[in-house]
Amino acid sequence: MQELRRIEQDILARGRVDGDHLEALRLALYAGGVVSRPAADFLVELHKRVGHPNPAFEHLFYRAITDHVLTDGRTDAEEAAWLRRMLIGDGTIRDEGRKFLHELKGEAGHTSPEFEALFAEAMKMPPERRTSRSGG
């Protein structure tokens, strides 16, 4: 966890996740061969703190969370509750979170009734409202 905290400090100091951060995060998250709950919790908090995550960080984030949840190939009630707190703790779900649940459901060998309830609830929520930005 100490290495993860060091990476976090650097990310927050720079204000973005750079390529060198991605590889360092990947190595630290998977240090024990699997993504542990403390590492997954850390990643969730870091993801919330990074204001505008880039696509590569988003990919690492959702891959690591999938690997954490599906360590045994299935979702259980406790994991579903954890995912609920992570994805819709504020009563809304991001479009990326909805896509993640679809992919997680597809990869899981078995899903719990609690996961199925979370999935159904998330799919009924309205899509994000995004403002269009003019690029330059």
N, C-alpha and C. Protein backbone atom coordinates (compact mmCIF):
# COMPACT_ATOMS: atom_id res chain seq x y z
N MET A 1 0.82 -1.20 0.00
CA MET A 1 0.00 0.00 0.00
C MET A 1 0.86 1.27 0.00
N GLN A 2 2.05 1.17 0.56
CA GLN A 2 2.92 2.33 0.60
C GLN A 2 3.28 2.78 -0.81
N GLU A 3 3.54 1.84 -1.69
CA GLU A 3 3.85 2.18 -3.08
C GLU A 3 2.64 2.82 -3.76
N LEU A 4 1.45 2.31 -3.49
CA LEU A 4 0.24 2.90 -4.07
C LEU A 4 0.06 4.34 -3.59
N ARG A 5 0.33 4.59 -2.33
CA ARG A 5 0.20 5.96 -1.78
C ARG A 5 1.22 6.90 -2.43
N ARG A 6 2.42 6.40 -2.70
CA ARG A 6 3.43 7.22 -3.36
C ARG A 6 2.97 7.59 -4.78
N ILE A 7 2.42 6.62 -5.49
CA ILE A 7 1.93 6.87 -6.85
C ILE A 7 0.78 7.87 -6.80
N GLU A 8 -0.11 7.70 -5.84
CA GLU A 8 -1.25 8.60 -5.68
C GLU A 8 -0.77 10.04 -5.48
N GLN A 9 0.21 10.23 -4.62
CA GLN A 9 0.73 11.58 -4.36
C GLN A 9 1.27 12.21 -5.64
N ASP A 10 1.96 11.42 -6.44
CA ASP A 10 2.52 11.95 -7.69
C ASP A 10 1.40 12.30 -8.67
N ILE A 11 0.39 11.43 -8.76
CA ILE A 11 -0.74 11.70 -9.66
C ILE A 11 -1.44 12.99 -9.24
N LEU A 12 -1.71 13.13 -7.96
CA LEU A 12 -2.43 14.31 -7.49
C LEU A 12 -1.58 15.58 -7.64
N ALA A 13 -0.27 15.45 -7.49
CA ALA A 13 0.63 16.60 -7.68
C ALA A 13 0.62 17.05 -9.14
N ARG A 14 0.61 16.10 -10.06
CA ARG A 14 0.60 16.43 -11.49
C ARG A 14 -0.80 16.82 -11.97
N GLY A 15 -1.82 16.32 -11.27
CA GLY A 15 -3.20 16.61 -11.66
C GLY A 15 -3.73 15.72 -12.76
N ARG A 16 -3.00 14.66 -13.06
CA ARG A 16 -3.44 13.73 -14.12
C ARG A 16 -2.68 12.41 -13.98
N VAL A 17 -3.21 11.39 -14.65
CA VAL A 17 -2.56 10.08 -14.67
C VAL A 17 -1.77 9.97 -15.96
N ASP A 18 -0.46 9.89 -15.83
CA ASP A 18 0.41 9.77 -17.00
C ASP A 18 0.77 8.30 -17.24
N GLY A 19 1.40 8.05 -18.37
CA GLY A 19 1.77 6.69 -18.75
C GLY A 19 2.63 5.99 -17.71
N ASP A 20 3.58 6.71 -17.11
CA ASP A 20 4.43 6.07 -16.10
C ASP A 20 3.62 5.68 -14.86
N HIS A 21 2.57 6.45 -14.58
CA HIS A 21 1.69 6.10 -13.46
C HIS A 21 0.93 4.80 -13.74
N LEU A 22 0.49 4.64 -14.97
CA LEU A 22 -0.30 3.46 -15.31
C LEU A 22 0.47 2.17 -15.06
N GLU A 23 1.70 2.13 -15.52
CA GLU A 23 2.50 0.92 -15.33
C GLU A 23 2.82 0.71 -13.85
N ALA A 24 3.15 1.78 -13.14
CA ALA A 24 3.43 1.66 -11.71
C ALA A 24 2.18 1.19 -10.94
N LEU A 25 1.02 1.73 -11.30
CA LEU A 25 -0.23 1.29 -10.66
C LEU A 25 -0.49 -0.19 -10.93
N ARG A 26 -0.34 -0.58 -12.19
CA ARG A 26 -0.58 -1.98 -12.57
C ARG A 26 0.31 -2.92 -11.75
N LEU A 27 1.58 -2.58 -11.66
CA LEU A 27 2.52 -3.43 -10.91
C LEU A 27 2.16 -3.49 -9.43
N ALA A 28 1.81 -2.35 -8.85
CA ALA A 28 1.48 -2.31 -7.42
C ALA A 28 0.14 -3.00 -7.13
N LEU A 29 -0.85 -2.80 -7.99
CA LEU A 29 -2.16 -3.40 -7.76
C LEU A 29 -2.11 -4.93 -7.84
N TYR A 30 -1.31 -5.44 -8.76
CA TYR A 30 -1.24 -6.89 -8.99
C TYR A 30 -0.01 -7.51 -8.31
N ALA A 31 0.58 -6.83 -7.36
CA ALA A 31 1.82 -7.28 -6.72
C ALA A 31 1.70 -8.69 -6.13
N GLY A 32 0.57 -9.01 -5.55
CA GLY A 32 0.39 -10.34 -4.95
C GLY A 32 -0.22 -11.34 -5.92
N GLY A 33 -0.33 -10.98 -7.20
CA GLY A 33 -0.92 -11.88 -8.19
C GLY A 33 -2.40 -11.60 -8.41
N VAL A 34 -3.06 -11.05 -7.41
CA VAL A 34 -4.47 -10.68 -7.52
C VAL A 34 -4.65 -9.28 -6.94
N VAL A 35 -5.73 -8.63 -7.30
CA VAL A 35 -6.04 -7.30 -6.76
C VAL A 35 -6.80 -7.52 -5.45
N SER A 36 -6.16 -7.18 -4.34
CA SER A 36 -6.77 -7.36 -3.02
C SER A 36 -7.87 -6.33 -2.78
N ARG A 37 -8.69 -6.55 -1.76
CA ARG A 37 -9.73 -5.57 -1.43
C ARG A 37 -9.12 -4.23 -1.03
N PRO A 38 -8.08 -4.20 -0.18
CA PRO A 38 -7.50 -2.89 0.12
C PRO A 38 -6.99 -2.17 -1.14
N ALA A 39 -6.39 -2.90 -2.06
CA ALA A 39 -5.91 -2.29 -3.30
C ALA A 39 -7.08 -1.80 -4.15
N ALA A 40 -8.14 -2.59 -4.21
CA ALA A 40 -9.34 -2.19 -4.97
C ALA A 40 -9.99 -0.96 -4.34
N ASP A 41 -10.08 -0.93 -3.01
CA ASP A 41 -10.63 0.24 -2.32
C ASP A 41 -9.79 1.48 -2.61
N PHE A 42 -8.47 1.32 -2.56
CA PHE A 42 -7.57 2.43 -2.88
C PHE A 42 -7.84 2.93 -4.30
N LEU A 43 -7.95 2.02 -5.25
CA LEU A 43 -8.16 2.40 -6.65
C LEU A 43 -9.48 3.14 -6.83
N VAL A 44 -10.52 2.69 -6.15
CA VAL A 44 -11.82 3.37 -6.23
C VAL A 44 -11.69 4.81 -5.74
N GLU A 45 -11.02 5.00 -4.61
CA GLU A 45 -10.85 6.36 -4.07
C GLU A 45 -9.99 7.22 -5.00
N LEU A 46 -8.93 6.65 -5.56
CA LEU A 46 -8.09 7.39 -6.49
C LEU A 46 -8.90 7.79 -7.72
N HIS A 47 -9.70 6.87 -8.23
CA HIS A 47 -10.53 7.14 -9.41
C HIS A 47 -11.46 8.31 -9.15
N LYS A 48 -12.02 8.38 -7.95
CA LYS A 48 -12.91 9.49 -7.60
C LYS A 48 -12.14 10.82 -7.54
N ARG A 49 -10.89 10.77 -7.11
CA ARG A 49 -10.10 11.99 -6.92
C ARG A 49 -9.50 12.53 -8.21
N VAL A 50 -9.36 11.68 -9.22
CA VAL A 50 -8.83 12.14 -10.51
C VAL A 50 -9.99 12.77 -11.27
N GLY A 51 -9.93 14.07 -11.42
CA GLY A 51 -11.05 14.80 -12.00
C GLY A 51 -11.45 14.35 -13.40
N HIS A 52 -10.50 14.19 -14.26
CA HIS A 52 -10.78 13.81 -15.65
C HIS A 52 -9.86 12.66 -16.04
N PRO A 53 -10.26 11.43 -15.68
CA PRO A 53 -9.38 10.29 -16.01
C PRO A 53 -9.30 10.07 -17.52
N ASN A 54 -8.10 9.73 -17.97
CA ASN A 54 -7.93 9.46 -19.40
C ASN A 54 -8.40 8.03 -19.71
N PRO A 55 -8.61 7.71 -20.99
CA PRO A 55 -9.11 6.38 -21.35
C PRO A 55 -8.22 5.24 -20.86
N ALA A 56 -6.93 5.42 -20.85
CA ALA A 56 -6.04 4.34 -20.40
C ALA A 56 -6.23 4.07 -18.90
N PHE A 57 -6.40 5.12 -18.11
CA PHE A 57 -6.65 4.94 -16.68
C PHE A 57 -8.01 4.31 -16.46
N GLU A 58 -9.01 4.74 -17.22
CA GLU A 58 -10.35 4.13 -17.12
C GLU A 58 -10.26 2.63 -17.39
N HIS A 59 -9.51 2.26 -18.42
CA HIS A 59 -9.38 0.84 -18.77
C HIS A 59 -8.71 0.08 -17.63
N LEU A 60 -7.62 0.61 -17.10
CA LEU A 60 -6.94 -0.04 -15.98
C LEU A 60 -7.87 -0.16 -14.78
N PHE A 61 -8.59 0.90 -14.48
CA PHE A 61 -9.50 0.91 -13.35
C PHE A 61 -10.53 -0.22 -13.46
N TYR A 62 -11.27 -0.25 -14.56
CA TYR A 62 -12.33 -1.25 -14.70
C TYR A 62 -11.77 -2.67 -14.83
N ARG A 63 -10.60 -2.84 -15.46
CA ARG A 63 -9.99 -4.17 -15.56
C ARG A 63 -9.59 -4.67 -14.17
N ALA A 64 -8.96 -3.81 -13.38
CA ALA A 64 -8.53 -4.21 -12.04
C ALA A 64 -9.72 -4.53 -11.14
N ILE A 65 -10.79 -3.74 -11.25
CA ILE A 65 -11.99 -4.02 -10.44
C ILE A 65 -12.62 -5.34 -10.88
N THR A 66 -12.66 -5.59 -12.17
CA THR A 66 -13.18 -6.87 -12.67
C THR A 66 -12.33 -8.02 -12.14
N ASP A 67 -11.02 -7.89 -12.23
CA ASP A 67 -10.14 -8.95 -11.74
C ASP A 67 -10.30 -9.17 -10.24
N HIS A 68 -10.55 -8.09 -9.50
CA HIS A 68 -10.77 -8.22 -8.06
C HIS A 68 -12.08 -8.97 -7.78
N VAL A 69 -13.15 -8.54 -8.41
CA VAL A 69 -14.47 -9.12 -8.14
C VAL A 69 -14.56 -10.56 -8.63
N LEU A 70 -13.97 -10.83 -9.77
CA LEU A 70 -14.11 -12.17 -10.37
C LEU A 70 -12.91 -13.08 -10.09
N THR A 71 -12.26 -12.88 -8.96
CA THR A 71 -11.13 -13.75 -8.60
C THR A 71 -11.54 -15.22 -8.66
N ASP A 72 -12.76 -15.51 -8.22
CA ASP A 72 -13.27 -16.88 -8.23
C ASP A 72 -14.25 -17.13 -9.38
N GLY A 73 -14.37 -16.17 -10.30
CA GLY A 73 -15.23 -16.34 -11.46
C GLY A 73 -16.70 -16.06 -11.24
N ARG A 74 -17.04 -15.59 -10.03
CA ARG A 74 -18.46 -15.36 -9.72
C ARG A 74 -18.62 -14.13 -8.84
N THR A 75 -19.84 -13.63 -8.76
CA THR A 75 -20.13 -12.52 -7.86
C THR A 75 -20.95 -13.06 -6.70
N ASP A 76 -20.68 -12.55 -5.51
CA ASP A 76 -21.49 -12.95 -4.36
C ASP A 76 -22.20 -11.72 -3.79
N ALA A 77 -22.96 -11.90 -2.74
CA ALA A 77 -23.75 -10.82 -2.16
C ALA A 77 -22.87 -9.68 -1.66
N GLU A 78 -21.78 -10.02 -1.01
CA GLU A 78 -20.88 -9.00 -0.45
C GLU A 78 -20.24 -8.19 -1.57
N GLU A 79 -19.82 -8.83 -2.65
CA GLU A 79 -19.22 -8.12 -3.78
C GLU A 79 -20.26 -7.22 -4.46
N ALA A 80 -21.49 -7.70 -4.55
CA ALA A 80 -22.55 -6.88 -5.14
C ALA A 80 -22.79 -5.63 -4.30
N ALA A 81 -22.76 -5.78 -2.98
CA ALA A 81 -22.94 -4.62 -2.10
C ALA A 81 -21.79 -3.65 -2.27
N TRP A 82 -20.57 -4.16 -2.39
CA TRP A 82 -19.39 -3.32 -2.59
C TRP A 82 -19.50 -2.58 -3.93
N LEU A 83 -19.89 -3.29 -4.98
CA LEU A 83 -20.06 -2.66 -6.30
C LEU A 83 -21.14 -1.58 -6.25
N ARG A 84 -22.21 -1.84 -5.53
CA ARG A 84 -23.29 -0.86 -5.40
C ARG A 84 -22.74 0.43 -4.78
N ARG A 85 -21.99 0.31 -3.70
CA ARG A 85 -21.41 1.49 -3.05
C ARG A 85 -20.46 2.21 -4.00
N MET A 86 -19.69 1.44 -4.75
CA MET A 86 -18.71 2.01 -5.65
C MET A 86 -19.37 2.74 -6.83
N LEU A 87 -20.39 2.11 -7.43
CA LEU A 87 -20.95 2.61 -8.68
C LEU A 87 -22.12 3.57 -8.52
N ILE A 88 -22.97 3.35 -7.51
CA ILE A 88 -24.15 4.20 -7.38
C ILE A 88 -24.34 4.70 -5.95
N GLY A 89 -23.26 4.90 -5.27
CA GLY A 89 -23.31 5.39 -3.90
C GLY A 89 -24.00 6.73 -3.76
N ASP A 90 -23.94 7.55 -4.81
CA ASP A 90 -24.57 8.86 -4.76
C ASP A 90 -25.94 8.88 -5.42
N GLY A 91 -26.46 7.70 -5.78
CA GLY A 91 -27.79 7.61 -6.39
C GLY A 91 -27.81 7.75 -7.89
N THR A 92 -26.64 7.92 -8.50
CA THR A 92 -26.55 7.98 -9.96
C THR A 92 -25.47 7.01 -10.42
N ILE A 93 -25.49 6.69 -11.69
CA ILE A 93 -24.44 5.83 -12.25
C ILE A 93 -23.91 6.48 -13.52
N ARG A 94 -22.61 6.45 -13.66
CA ARG A 94 -21.97 6.95 -14.87
C ARG A 94 -22.20 5.95 -16.00
N ASP A 95 -22.17 6.44 -17.22
CA ASP A 95 -22.32 5.56 -18.38
C ASP A 95 -21.25 4.48 -18.38
N GLU A 96 -20.03 4.84 -17.97
CA GLU A 96 -18.94 3.87 -17.93
C GLU A 96 -19.23 2.77 -16.90
N GLY A 97 -19.89 3.13 -15.80
CA GLY A 97 -20.25 2.15 -14.78
C GLY A 97 -21.29 1.17 -15.30
N ARG A 98 -22.23 1.67 -16.05
CA ARG A 98 -23.27 0.81 -16.65
C ARG A 98 -22.62 -0.17 -17.63
N LYS A 99 -21.73 0.35 -18.46
CA LYS A 99 -21.01 -0.52 -19.42
C LYS A 99 -20.20 -1.56 -18.67
N PHE A 100 -19.54 -1.15 -17.59
CA PHE A 100 -18.75 -2.06 -16.77
C PHE A 100 -19.61 -3.20 -16.24
N LEU A 101 -20.80 -2.89 -15.73
CA LEU A 101 -21.67 -3.95 -15.21
C LEU A 101 -22.07 -4.94 -16.30
N HIS A 102 -22.34 -4.44 -17.50
CA HIS A 102 -22.64 -5.33 -18.64
C HIS A 102 -21.47 -6.28 -18.89
N GLU A 103 -20.27 -5.73 -18.94
CA GLU A 103 -19.09 -6.55 -19.21
C GLU A 103 -18.81 -7.53 -18.08
N LEU A 104 -18.98 -7.08 -16.84
CA LEU A 104 -18.75 -7.94 -15.69
C LEU A 104 -19.74 -9.10 -15.70
N LYS A 105 -20.98 -8.82 -15.99
CA LYS A 105 -22.01 -9.87 -16.07
C LYS A 105 -21.65 -10.88 -17.14
N GLY A 106 -21.13 -10.39 -18.28
CA GLY A 106 -20.74 -11.29 -19.36
C GLY A 106 -19.55 -12.16 -19.02
N GLU A 107 -18.64 -11.64 -18.21
CA GLU A 107 -17.43 -12.39 -17.85
C GLU A 107 -17.65 -13.35 -16.68
N ALA A 108 -18.62 -13.06 -15.84
CA ALA A 108 -18.84 -13.87 -14.64
C ALA A 108 -19.40 -15.24 -15.01
N GLY A 109 -18.86 -16.26 -14.38
CA GLY A 109 -19.40 -17.60 -14.59
C GLY A 109 -20.74 -17.77 -13.91
N HIS A 110 -20.93 -17.05 -12.81
CA HIS A 110 -22.18 -17.10 -12.04
C HIS A 110 -22.37 -15.76 -11.36
N THR A 111 -23.58 -15.25 -11.37
CA THR A 111 -23.87 -14.00 -10.67
C THR A 111 -24.88 -14.26 -9.57
N SER A 112 -24.72 -13.59 -8.47
CA SER A 112 -25.62 -13.75 -7.33
C SER A 112 -26.92 -13.00 -7.57
N PRO A 113 -27.98 -13.36 -6.85
CA PRO A 113 -29.24 -12.60 -6.95
C PRO A 113 -29.02 -11.12 -6.61
N GLU A 114 -28.13 -10.84 -5.68
CA GLU A 114 -27.84 -9.46 -5.30
C GLU A 114 -27.19 -8.69 -6.45
N PHE A 115 -26.30 -9.36 -7.18
CA PHE A 115 -25.70 -8.72 -8.35
C PHE A 115 -26.76 -8.47 -9.41
N GLU A 116 -27.62 -9.45 -9.62
CA GLU A 116 -28.69 -9.29 -10.62
C GLU A 116 -29.60 -8.12 -10.26
N ALA A 117 -29.88 -7.93 -8.97
CA ALA A 117 -30.70 -6.80 -8.53
C ALA A 117 -29.98 -5.48 -8.79
N LEU A 118 -28.68 -5.45 -8.49
CA LEU A 118 -27.88 -4.26 -8.76
C LEU A 118 -27.88 -3.96 -10.26
N PHE A 119 -27.66 -4.96 -11.06
CA PHE A 119 -27.62 -4.81 -12.51
C PHE A 119 -28.95 -4.24 -13.02
N ALA A 120 -30.07 -4.83 -12.58
CA ALA A 120 -31.38 -4.36 -13.02
C ALA A 120 -31.62 -2.91 -12.61
N GLU A 121 -31.26 -2.58 -11.38
CA GLU A 121 -31.43 -1.21 -10.89
C GLU A 121 -30.59 -0.23 -11.71
N ALA A 122 -29.35 -0.58 -11.96
CA ALA A 122 -28.46 0.30 -12.71
C ALA A 122 -28.95 0.52 -14.14
N MET A 123 -29.50 -0.52 -14.75
CA MET A 123 -29.95 -0.40 -16.13
C MET A 123 -31.21 0.48 -16.23
N LYS A 124 -31.96 0.59 -15.14
CA LYS A 124 -33.17 1.43 -15.14
C LYS A 124 -32.87 2.90 -14.88
N MET A 125 -31.67 3.18 -14.38
CA MET A 125 -31.32 4.56 -14.07
C MET A 125 -31.13 5.36 -15.35
N PRO A 126 -31.46 6.65 -15.31
CA PRO A 126 -31.30 7.46 -16.53
C PRO A 126 -29.83 7.62 -16.90
N PRO A 127 -29.57 7.78 -18.20
CA PRO A 127 -28.18 7.99 -18.63
C PRO A 127 -27.67 9.32 -18.11
N GLU A 128 -26.36 9.43 -18.09
CA GLU A 128 -25.72 10.68 -17.66
C GLU A 128 -26.14 11.81 -18.57
N ARG A 129 -26.19 12.98 -18.00
CA ARG A 129 -26.39 14.18 -18.82
C ARG A 129 -25.04 14.83 -18.98
N ARG A 130 -24.60 14.89 -20.19
CA ARG A 130 -23.29 15.51 -20.47
C ARG A 130 -23.52 16.76 -21.30
N THR A 131 -22.74 17.74 -21.01
CA THR A 131 -22.81 18.95 -21.82
C THR A 131 -21.84 18.81 -22.96
N SER A 132 -22.21 19.34 -24.08
CA SER A 132 -21.29 19.26 -25.22
C SER A 132 -20.24 20.34 -25.05
N ARG A 133 -19.05 19.98 -25.42
CA ARG A 133 -17.92 20.91 -25.32
C ARG A 133 -17.39 21.15 -26.72
N SER A 134 -17.05 22.36 -26.98
CA SER A 134 -16.43 22.62 -28.28
C SER A 134 -14.93 22.44 -28.14
N GLY A 135 -14.41 21.67 -29.04
CA GLY A 135 -12.97 21.38 -29.01
C GLY A 135 -12.21 22.36 -29.87
N GLY A 136 -10.92 22.37 -29.67
CA GLY A 136 -10.15 23.33 -30.45
C GLY A 136 -8.87 22.78 -30.92
